[in-house]
Amino acid sequence: MEMLKKSLKKSLKKNLENKKRLSFLIMTLVLIFALNFLAFSPATVVRQINMTQSLSSAYLNNEINNILSETTNTEVVRMLPYDFSAPKNAPDKNNFYTEDGKTCYKDSTIEVTCWKEVSKINKAEVCFADVKIKHPSQFRRQWANGDYNSSKSQYPTNIFAISNGVVGMSSDFYKFRKFGVIVQYGTVICDKRSTHPRQKYLDVLVIDYNGDFKIWKDNELSEYIKKNGADDIMLSFTFGPAIVENGVPYDPSIEKTYPLGEPYMHSGRAAIGQLGKLHYLLCTYGNPGLHREDMAGIMAEKGCITAYNLDGGQSGTMVLRNKVYNKIAYMGDQRPMSDVLYFASAE
């Protein structure tokens, strides 16, 4: 009889433990669903940022995913905060390696492959960075002195040093113009019109909370934000023009009207493109430079669905491991600027 009682107690205890595990798993799945909703619902994300809860939400998402991975063998999907902070952790130096003459980085959340080619057009050096990330929050932007309101510029490597990024590049140097539509995580940083008669032709690169590219005309985007707010915009850049849309290089006739980027000159170039879901291509083109039409051809040839011209010339700088990766056009030295875009690990 005593043995039977012990056996019964043991059985009840085991059943109770199993129920606890099941309850914990159900609660975990509910929380994962809720957090994924937060992560991919732009309006909710922006409200979180305004309440300064983004960091805690990202931490909770990552911890729950870790637990779920351990209990169900589900792949961990980690994220970074949708705010203006830099990632807490720098890339692991042990994850950098060289393969077939290319510099690479790989961990569970990001894969980067950087390489250089000699252009067939004029023997200039062309640098590429192929980037795959697991979560849109790993596509980020950093400002000089860590503050988009800063009146001082910094070298790209100095901005990058506080970013804890794996790879990045100069972006649109928005402070140089003081006009355009610049948004970060629903916060409108700049929405100003230029007095330039052709300013209505400016293209804006908009990145949503899925990490997908879309091209807007600046006047249309400005009107949209006035009516609907900017909650659904993760990032936006104003320079342009769009050089590839739907896999097709742009019409070079736009050169006659587009006001930015020295349209009538061969120049050092910089561009970013989307190759697929959370898959991107960075490119810089050095001296003696080339026409934007040729840059469009390069990005389309590499498979970009959408590609966008960024500030080039001496501004065109690619950074890897906190060092300049490309040969900067013209003087060959870094130019102080207001901002960079970059990709970070979420480990």
Foldseek 3Di string as FASTA:
>chain_A
DVVVVVVVVVVVVVVVVVVVVVVVLVVLVVLLVVLVCCLAVLLNLLVCVVVVNQQVSQVVLQVSLVVCCVVPVDQGQHAHGLYLAADPDAADPVQWDDDPNWIWGDDSFKIKTKDWDQDPPPRWIKIKIKMFGRFLRLWFKAWAVSDLPDPFFAFPLVRVVRRSFAKWWFFALCVVPQAFFWDASQRTPHHHFDPPPLLQQWWKWFAFSQRDTDIDRSVVVSVCCVVPGRSGTHTMGTAWDWQAAQLRGDDLVCLVRRDHDPQVDFAWWWKKFAQDRRIIMTMTTEPPGGHSNVVSVVCSVVRGNIMTTHHAAQRTFMDGPSHTDHQGYDPRDTDTGTMMIGGHGRD
